[in-house]
Amino acid sequence: MIHGNILQNIRLDDGGMPKYRQLQIEIARLIREDILLPQTQLPSEHEFRTELGVSRTTIRQAFQLLEEKNLIHRVQGRGTFIGAVPTEKNMRPRKKDMHMIGVLVPNITNQIYPGIIRGIEANAYEKDAVVFAASSGGSRDREYQLITELINRSIDGLILEPLHSGLENDSSRTAGLLNGLNIPVIIINNDIPQFTCSKIMLDDTGGARSAVQHIIAFGHKRIAYIYKNTVKAALDRRLGYMQALKDAGIPHDESIEFSFGEEEERIDTGYRLTKTILEHPEWGITAVFYYNDDLALQGMDAALDMNVQVPADLSIVGYDDIPRSAPRKLSTVSHPQILVGRWALDLLFEYFDHHVHHYRLITISSEIIRRNTVAAPSR
C-alpha cells in the first residue's frame, strides 16, 4: 500500500485546470519519474479524499483517464495498481533456448509506445522469444544506464528509439555504447546517423506537410506549431510545416511557433501552451498543428476549459494516431505502431536466422486521418 508520504508528492492548486486533470497529470508524473513503480497498489479513495481533500468524483474521473492510457488497472475486490493489466502471455515461463530481446523507448506514457511494444511482443510470442521492455523517461543518463542493464541481462538483440536522435554528435555516450555492442540493434522512429544498423523511420517531413496542407485547404493562414525542440522527429515535422506554408504562399512566422526543451517540458505542456495562445486572440491564430497527439489532446482540453469550440473557433491537428485520438475525433497523421513493432522484431530475426547483418532502411509514408477537428476559420 502507498503511504501518505507518496500522496504528499502530489501537487494540486486552485488554478484554471480542473482538479481531476491535475490529479491525473500528477499521478502520471510520479509514474514517469519511477516514484510509482509497475504493479504498485494505489491508495484507496478514502486515503485520497483524506490526504488531498478531493471528491470521490474527482478521483474516479482521474483514474478513468489514467486507465484509458494504460497507466493503471483495477482488480475487482483488490484495488487499483500501476501499469497495464498483466497478461497470461507475459507471465508464461521462459525456455532456456529462447531469444531475449531488449526494448528501450523514451517515454511509456506516450501512447505510441504501448502499441509498438504490443507489436513486438505479439511477434515475439509467435517466434518463442522473450521481451524486456523499459522506458528511459526522457533522461540521457537513464537511457545509457538501461542499455547497459539490458546488455548485462544477456539480451540477444536490442530494439531502440533513442533520445535526441540525430542531434547527438559522434562523441555521445549512447552512440559510443551502441558502436561497442556485439549484438544486432534495430533503431525505430528516430535516427542516430553515425550508427549503422537496420532502421525503421517515419517520413515525418512528408506527414507534417500533408497535415498542414489539410489545415490550409480550409482557409487557415495563421497556423501555430507546438513541438519539442530536442527531438529530431519534431524538427523534421517542423520542416514539413514550413514546406506546406511555402507551397501555399503563406509567410512563415516564427513568432507563432512554440517550442520547448527538456527543462521546460511538463506533462501538461500542450495544455499550457494552447491556453497561452487562446489568451492572446490578437495573435490571430486560427489553427494549431502539434508534433504529437498527446499535446494535441491537451490542447483540446485547454480549449474545452476556456469555452473555445473545436473546430468552430480553433482547428487542431496532431500526429501519431494514438488510441485516445479516435474517440476524441482528433484529426491526425497515421503511425502504424503495431506494424513498426512487428517489423522491428522481423529485422532482428533476419540476423538470428542468417547470422549476417543485412542492413535495411524501412521508411514509412504517413497519411492524414481526417476526423472532426478542422473547419474553416471563424475570423
Protein backbone atom coordinates (compact mmCIF):
# COMPACT_ATOMS: atom_id res chain seq x y z
CA MET A 1 0.00 0.00 0.00
CA ILE A 2 1.26 3.50 -0.81
CA HIS A 3 1.72 5.65 2.28
CA GLY A 4 0.86 9.29 2.86
CA ASN A 5 4.39 10.46 2.06
CA ILE A 6 3.80 9.50 -1.59
CA LEU A 7 0.48 11.35 -1.63
CA GLN A 8 2.34 14.39 -0.33
CA ASN A 9 4.26 14.40 -3.66
CA ILE A 10 1.01 15.21 -5.47
CA ARG A 11 0.66 18.94 -6.09
CA LEU A 12 -2.84 20.33 -6.69
CA ASP A 13 -3.69 24.02 -6.92
CA ASP A 14 -6.71 26.25 -7.41
CA GLY A 15 -5.69 27.42 -10.88
CA GLY A 16 -7.69 27.14 -14.08
CA MET A 17 -7.22 23.40 -14.65
CA PRO A 18 -9.91 21.08 -13.17
CA LYS A 19 -8.80 19.07 -10.13
CA TYR A 20 -9.34 15.70 -11.81
CA ARG A 21 -6.99 16.66 -14.64
CA GLN A 22 -4.42 17.92 -12.15
CA LEU A 23 -4.65 14.62 -10.26
CA GLN A 24 -4.30 12.63 -13.49
CA ILE A 25 -1.24 14.66 -14.50
CA GLU A 26 0.40 14.32 -11.09
CA ILE A 27 -0.05 10.53 -10.90
CA ALA A 28 1.32 10.20 -14.46
CA ARG A 29 4.32 12.33 -13.41
CA LEU A 30 5.04 10.04 -10.44
CA ILE A 31 4.90 7.05 -12.79
CA ARG A 32 7.25 8.73 -15.28
CA GLU A 33 9.71 9.60 -12.50
CA ASP A 34 9.68 5.98 -11.21
CA ILE A 35 8.24 7.06 -7.86
CA LEU A 36 5.25 4.82 -8.60
CA LEU A 37 6.55 1.52 -9.96
CA PRO A 38 4.66 -1.12 -12.01
CA GLN A 39 2.21 -3.25 -10.01
CA THR A 40 2.36 -0.86 -7.01
CA GLN A 41 -1.04 -0.52 -5.40
CA LEU A 42 -2.54 2.96 -5.30
CA PRO A 43 -4.18 4.34 -2.13
CA SER A 44 -7.88 3.87 -1.53
CA GLU A 45 -10.40 6.55 -2.45
CA HIS A 46 -10.72 7.31 1.25
CA GLU A 47 -6.97 7.97 1.53
CA PHE A 48 -7.04 10.27 -1.50
CA ARG A 49 -10.00 12.20 -0.10
CA THR A 50 -8.45 12.49 3.36
CA GLU A 51 -4.94 13.49 2.24
CA LEU A 52 -5.77 15.68 -0.77
CA GLY A 53 -9.25 16.99 0.06
CA VAL A 54 -10.72 15.95 -3.29
CA SER A 55 -14.09 14.41 -4.04
CA ARG A 56 -14.84 10.82 -4.99
CA THR A 57 -15.94 12.07 -8.46
CA THR A 58 -12.58 13.82 -8.97
CA ILE A 59 -10.68 10.64 -8.09
CA ARG A 60 -12.79 8.45 -10.37
CA GLN A 61 -12.52 10.85 -13.32
CA ALA A 62 -8.72 10.98 -12.92
CA PHE A 63 -8.49 7.19 -12.65
CA GLN A 64 -10.62 6.76 -15.77
CA LEU A 65 -8.24 8.95 -17.81
CA LEU A 66 -5.20 7.08 -16.44
CA GLU A 67 -6.81 3.73 -17.22
CA GLU A 68 -7.52 4.85 -20.80
CA LYS A 69 -3.76 5.48 -21.15
CA ASN A 70 -2.94 2.01 -19.72
CA LEU A 71 -1.08 3.70 -16.86
CA ILE A 72 -3.19 1.98 -14.19
CA HIS A 73 -5.54 -1.00 -13.96
CA ARG A 74 -8.18 -2.06 -11.48
CA VAL A 75 -8.58 -5.51 -9.95
CA GLN A 76 -12.06 -6.30 -8.65
CA GLY A 77 -12.04 -6.64 -4.88
CA ARG A 78 -8.33 -5.80 -4.56
CA GLY A 79 -7.78 -2.20 -5.65
CA THR A 80 -6.03 -0.10 -8.29
CA PHE A 81 -2.50 -0.83 -9.48
CA ILE A 82 0.17 0.92 -11.56
CA GLY A 83 0.69 -0.37 -15.10
CA ALA A 84 -1.35 -2.27 -17.66
CA VAL A 85 -3.23 -5.44 -16.81
CA PRO A 86 -0.75 -8.36 -16.57
CA THR A 87 -1.48 -10.93 -19.27
CA GLU A 88 -1.08 -14.66 -19.15
CA LYS A 89 1.19 -14.36 -22.19
CA ASN A 90 3.61 -12.12 -20.33
CA MET A 91 3.72 -14.43 -17.32
CA ARG A 92 4.45 -17.69 -19.11
CA PRO A 93 7.69 -19.48 -18.19
CA ARG A 94 10.74 -18.85 -20.38
CA LYS A 95 12.60 -21.66 -22.12
CA LYS A 96 16.38 -21.75 -21.98
CA ASP A 97 16.80 -21.53 -25.76
CA MET A 98 14.54 -18.51 -26.23
CA HIS A 99 15.98 -15.35 -27.75
CA MET A 100 15.91 -12.49 -25.25
CA ILE A 101 15.08 -9.11 -26.77
CA GLY A 102 15.65 -5.74 -25.09
CA VAL A 103 13.34 -2.86 -25.98
CA LEU A 104 14.01 0.71 -24.87
CA VAL A 105 11.72 3.66 -25.65
CA PRO A 106 11.80 7.29 -24.45
CA ASN A 107 8.52 7.60 -22.56
CA ILE A 108 5.97 4.85 -21.92
CA THR A 109 3.34 7.48 -21.02
CA ASN A 110 3.22 8.44 -24.71
CA GLN A 111 0.67 6.11 -26.23
CA ILE A 112 2.56 5.25 -29.40
CA TYR A 113 4.91 3.08 -27.36
CA PRO A 114 2.43 0.58 -25.86
CA GLY A 115 1.28 -0.10 -29.44
CA ILE A 116 4.85 -0.63 -30.66
CA ILE A 117 5.63 -2.88 -27.70
CA ARG A 118 2.42 -4.87 -28.30
CA GLY A 119 3.57 -5.45 -31.89
CA ILE A 120 6.99 -6.61 -30.69
CA GLU A 121 5.50 -8.87 -28.01
CA ALA A 122 2.92 -10.42 -30.36
CA ASN A 123 5.65 -11.28 -32.87
CA ALA A 124 7.98 -12.45 -30.09
CA TYR A 125 5.32 -14.79 -28.78
CA GLU A 126 4.98 -16.36 -32.23
CA LYS A 127 8.77 -16.67 -32.51
CA ASP A 128 9.18 -18.03 -28.97
CA ALA A 129 11.22 -15.04 -27.79
CA VAL A 130 11.23 -13.10 -24.51
CA VAL A 131 10.95 -9.30 -24.38
CA PHE A 132 12.39 -7.00 -21.71
CA ALA A 133 10.87 -3.52 -22.22
CA ALA A 134 11.97 -0.34 -20.45
CA SER A 135 11.46 3.43 -20.66
CA SER A 136 14.23 5.99 -20.32
CA GLY A 137 11.75 8.62 -19.15
CA GLY A 138 13.42 11.28 -21.28
CA SER A 139 16.74 11.02 -19.40
CA ARG A 140 20.00 10.59 -21.33
CA ASP A 141 21.72 9.16 -18.26
CA ARG A 142 18.90 6.68 -17.70
CA GLU A 143 18.96 5.69 -21.37
CA TYR A 144 22.66 4.84 -21.10
CA GLN A 145 22.11 3.02 -17.80
CA LEU A 146 19.20 0.94 -19.13
CA ILE A 147 21.05 -0.12 -22.29
CA THR A 148 23.89 -1.25 -20.05
CA GLU A 149 21.46 -3.09 -17.78
CA LEU A 150 19.80 -4.85 -20.73
CA ILE A 151 23.22 -5.96 -22.00
CA ASN A 152 24.01 -7.28 -18.51
CA ARG A 153 20.87 -9.40 -18.78
CA SER A 154 22.49 -11.09 -21.80
CA ILE A 155 19.94 -9.96 -24.35
CA ASP A 156 20.42 -11.29 -27.89
CA GLY A 157 19.23 -8.14 -29.66
CA LEU A 158 18.09 -4.58 -28.94
CA ILE A 159 15.20 -2.52 -30.36
CA LEU A 160 15.77 1.14 -29.52
CA GLU A 161 14.14 4.51 -30.03
CA PRO A 162 16.93 6.83 -28.87
CA LEU A 163 16.66 10.22 -27.20
CA HIS A 164 17.77 13.40 -29.00
CA SER A 165 18.17 11.28 -32.10
CA GLY A 166 20.02 12.85 -34.97
CA LEU A 167 21.01 15.73 -32.71
CA GLU A 168 23.85 13.95 -30.95
CA ASN A 169 27.47 14.18 -32.07
CA ASP A 170 29.87 11.31 -32.65
CA SER A 171 31.13 11.51 -29.08
CA SER A 172 27.72 10.97 -27.42
CA ARG A 173 27.72 8.28 -24.77
CA THR A 174 24.78 6.43 -26.30
CA ALA A 175 26.30 6.34 -29.79
CA GLY A 176 29.63 5.21 -28.33
CA LEU A 177 27.95 2.46 -26.34
CA LEU A 178 25.99 1.21 -29.36
CA ASN A 179 29.10 1.12 -31.54
CA GLY A 180 30.75 -1.18 -28.99
CA LEU A 181 27.95 -3.76 -28.91
CA ASN A 182 28.34 -7.21 -30.46
CA ILE A 183 24.59 -7.86 -30.80
CA PRO A 184 22.21 -6.65 -33.52
CA VAL A 185 20.41 -3.36 -32.90
CA ILE A 186 17.29 -2.03 -34.61
CA ILE A 187 16.58 1.71 -34.34
CA ILE A 188 12.98 2.86 -34.77
CA ASN A 189 11.30 6.23 -35.35
CA ASN A 190 14.33 8.45 -34.63
CA ASP A 191 17.76 8.08 -36.17
CA ILE A 192 21.34 8.21 -34.92
CA PRO A 193 23.00 8.80 -38.32
CA GLN A 194 26.52 7.91 -37.12
CA PHE A 195 25.40 4.43 -36.00
CA THR A 196 24.95 1.84 -38.74
CA CYS A 197 22.19 -0.73 -38.24
CA SER A 198 18.78 -1.64 -39.64
CA LYS A 199 16.27 1.16 -39.08
CA ILE A 200 12.54 1.82 -39.35
CA MET A 201 11.79 5.52 -39.90
CA LEU A 202 8.69 7.58 -40.47
CA ASP A 203 8.59 10.18 -43.24
CA ASP A 204 7.96 12.87 -40.64
CA THR A 205 8.52 15.75 -43.04
CA GLY A 206 6.05 14.40 -45.58
CA GLY A 207 3.48 13.53 -42.93
CA ALA A 208 3.61 17.01 -41.39
CA ARG A 209 3.41 18.62 -44.82
CA SER A 210 0.19 16.70 -45.52
CA ALA A 211 -1.24 17.68 -42.13
CA VAL A 212 -0.62 21.40 -42.63
CA GLN A 213 -1.83 21.25 -46.24
CA HIS A 214 -5.07 19.79 -44.86
CA ILE A 215 -5.42 22.77 -42.49
CA ILE A 216 -4.61 25.29 -45.23
CA ALA A 217 -7.24 23.75 -47.51
CA PHE A 218 -9.90 25.02 -45.10
CA GLY A 219 -8.64 28.59 -45.48
CA HIS A 220 -6.32 28.96 -42.47
CA LYS A 221 -3.30 31.24 -42.75
CA ARG A 222 -2.29 31.76 -39.10
CA ILE A 223 -1.27 28.23 -38.11
CA ALA A 224 0.78 27.73 -34.95
CA TYR A 225 3.16 24.81 -34.40
CA ILE A 226 3.85 23.34 -30.94
CA TYR A 227 6.81 20.98 -30.66
CA LYS A 228 9.72 19.67 -28.58
CA ASN A 229 12.98 21.09 -29.90
CA THR A 230 15.24 18.25 -28.68
CA VAL A 231 13.54 15.55 -30.80
CA LYS A 232 14.61 15.17 -34.41
CA ALA A 233 11.17 13.89 -35.45
CA ALA A 234 9.67 17.16 -34.20
CA LEU A 235 12.24 19.16 -36.17
CA ASP A 236 11.54 17.10 -39.30
CA ARG A 237 7.84 17.80 -38.79
CA ARG A 238 8.67 21.50 -38.46
CA LEU A 239 10.32 21.29 -41.87
CA GLY A 240 7.13 19.78 -43.32
CA TYR A 241 5.10 22.54 -41.63
CA MET A 242 7.31 25.18 -43.24
CA GLN A 243 7.17 23.49 -46.65
CA ALA A 244 3.36 23.45 -46.62
CA LEU A 245 3.26 27.16 -45.76
CA LYS A 246 5.72 27.95 -48.57
CA ASP A 247 3.76 25.86 -51.08
CA ALA A 248 0.64 27.90 -50.25
CA GLY A 249 2.44 31.26 -50.38
CA ILE A 250 1.88 31.86 -46.66
CA PRO A 251 4.74 33.70 -44.92
CA HIS A 252 6.49 31.68 -42.22
CA ASP A 253 6.12 33.47 -38.86
CA GLU A 254 8.43 32.10 -36.17
CA SER A 255 6.53 34.08 -33.51
CA ILE A 256 3.66 31.59 -33.71
CA GLU A 257 5.93 28.58 -33.26
CA PHE A 258 6.03 27.39 -29.66
CA SER A 259 8.90 25.06 -28.81
CA PHE A 260 10.11 23.60 -25.54
CA GLY A 261 13.10 21.58 -24.39
CA GLU A 262 13.87 19.16 -21.60
CA GLU A 263 13.94 21.84 -18.91
CA GLU A 264 10.61 23.41 -19.91
CA GLU A 265 8.72 20.16 -20.52
CA ARG A 266 5.93 19.20 -18.17
CA ILE A 267 3.18 16.66 -18.51
CA ASP A 268 0.70 19.48 -19.24
CA THR A 269 2.89 21.42 -21.70
CA GLY A 270 0.36 21.17 -24.55
CA TYR A 271 -2.40 22.42 -22.26
CA ARG A 272 -0.37 25.40 -21.03
CA LEU A 273 0.88 26.50 -24.45
CA THR A 274 -2.58 26.23 -26.01
CA LYS A 275 -4.05 28.21 -23.13
CA THR A 276 -1.45 30.92 -23.81
CA ILE A 277 -2.47 31.04 -27.48
CA LEU A 278 -6.15 31.30 -26.58
CA GLU A 279 -5.43 34.09 -24.13
CA HIS A 280 -3.99 36.18 -26.99
CA PRO A 281 -6.64 36.48 -29.74
CA GLU A 282 -4.69 39.45 -31.12
CA TRP A 283 -2.14 36.95 -32.46
CA GLY A 284 -4.79 35.89 -34.98
CA ILE A 285 -4.07 32.15 -34.64
CA THR A 286 -6.95 30.07 -36.01
CA ALA A 287 -5.34 26.62 -36.11
CA VAL A 288 -2.63 24.69 -34.26
CA PHE A 289 -0.51 21.79 -35.52
CA TYR A 290 1.03 19.74 -32.71
CA TYR A 291 4.03 17.48 -33.16
CA ASN A 292 2.20 14.64 -31.40
CA ASP A 293 -1.32 13.64 -30.39
CA ASP A 294 -0.68 13.83 -26.66
CA LEU A 295 -0.01 17.57 -26.97
CA ALA A 296 -2.98 17.98 -29.33
CA LEU A 297 -5.37 16.26 -26.90
CA GLN A 298 -4.10 18.52 -24.12
CA GLY A 299 -4.81 21.43 -26.47
CA MET A 300 -8.37 20.21 -26.93
CA ASP A 301 -8.74 20.05 -23.15
CA ALA A 302 -7.50 23.63 -22.81
CA ALA A 303 -9.97 24.82 -25.44
CA LEU A 304 -12.80 22.98 -23.68
CA ASP A 305 -11.93 24.52 -20.32
CA MET A 306 -11.85 28.01 -21.89
CA ASN A 307 -15.19 27.51 -23.70
CA VAL A 308 -13.48 27.60 -27.10
CA GLN A 309 -15.16 25.34 -29.65
CA VAL A 310 -13.06 22.90 -31.67
CA PRO A 311 -13.13 23.17 -34.68
CA ALA A 312 -15.56 26.12 -34.95
CA ASP A 313 -13.24 28.54 -33.09
CA LEU A 314 -9.91 26.68 -33.28
CA SER A 315 -8.78 23.91 -35.62
CA ILE A 316 -6.40 21.29 -34.21
CA VAL A 317 -4.30 18.55 -35.85
CA GLY A 318 -1.99 16.09 -34.11
CA TYR A 319 0.42 13.36 -35.18
CA ASP A 320 0.70 9.60 -34.43
CA ASP A 321 -2.98 8.50 -34.19
CA ILE A 322 -2.68 7.16 -30.64
CA PRO A 323 -5.66 5.15 -29.31
CA ARG A 324 -7.18 8.13 -27.46
CA SER A 325 -7.38 10.17 -30.68
CA ALA A 326 -10.23 8.35 -32.41
CA PRO A 327 -12.76 8.68 -29.53
CA ARG A 328 -11.97 12.42 -29.35
CA LYS A 329 -12.35 12.66 -33.17
CA LEU A 330 -8.90 14.24 -33.47
CA SER A 331 -7.60 14.80 -36.99
CA THR A 332 -4.08 13.41 -37.02
CA VAL A 333 -1.34 11.69 -39.04
CA SER A 334 -1.12 7.90 -39.06
CA HIS A 335 1.54 5.91 -37.25
CA PRO A 336 1.39 2.10 -37.77
CA GLN A 337 2.60 1.40 -34.23
CA ILE A 338 1.90 -2.33 -34.06
CA LEU A 339 3.38 -2.93 -37.51
CA VAL A 340 6.53 -0.99 -36.57
CA GLY A 341 6.94 -3.33 -33.59
CA ARG A 342 6.39 -6.46 -35.68
CA TRP A 343 8.76 -5.30 -38.43
CA ALA A 344 11.46 -4.39 -35.89
CA LEU A 345 11.44 -7.92 -34.50
CA ASP A 346 11.40 -9.39 -38.01
CA LEU A 347 14.61 -7.43 -38.75
CA LEU A 348 16.25 -8.89 -35.64
CA PHE A 349 15.27 -12.41 -36.64
CA GLU A 350 16.76 -11.90 -40.09
CA TYR A 351 20.07 -11.67 -38.27
CA PHE A 352 19.30 -14.53 -35.85
CA ASP A 353 18.28 -16.83 -38.71
CA HIS A 354 21.15 -15.99 -41.09
CA HIS A 355 23.89 -14.70 -38.73
CA VAL A 356 24.69 -11.97 -41.25
CA HIS A 357 23.99 -8.23 -40.99
CA HIS A 358 21.85 -7.13 -43.94
CA TYR A 359 21.22 -3.52 -43.02
CA ARG A 360 17.82 -2.29 -44.11
CA LEU A 361 16.19 1.13 -44.01
CA ILE A 362 12.39 1.00 -43.99
CA THR A 363 10.76 4.42 -44.47
CA ILE A 364 7.04 4.67 -43.76
CA SER A 365 4.88 7.25 -45.52
CA SER A 366 2.14 8.52 -43.23
CA GLU A 367 -1.32 9.74 -44.24
CA ILE A 368 -3.59 12.39 -42.79
CA ILE A 369 -6.58 10.96 -40.93
CA ARG A 370 -9.48 13.39 -41.37
CA ARG A 371 -11.83 13.40 -38.40
CA ASN A 372 -13.61 16.35 -36.83
CA THR A 373 -11.13 18.93 -35.52
CA VAL A 374 -10.58 21.05 -38.63
CA ALA A 375 -13.03 23.55 -40.09
CA ALA A 376 -12.94 26.92 -41.85
CA PRO A 377 -11.69 29.76 -39.60
CA SER A 378 -14.39 31.80 -37.88
CA ARG A 379 -12.41 35.04 -38.22
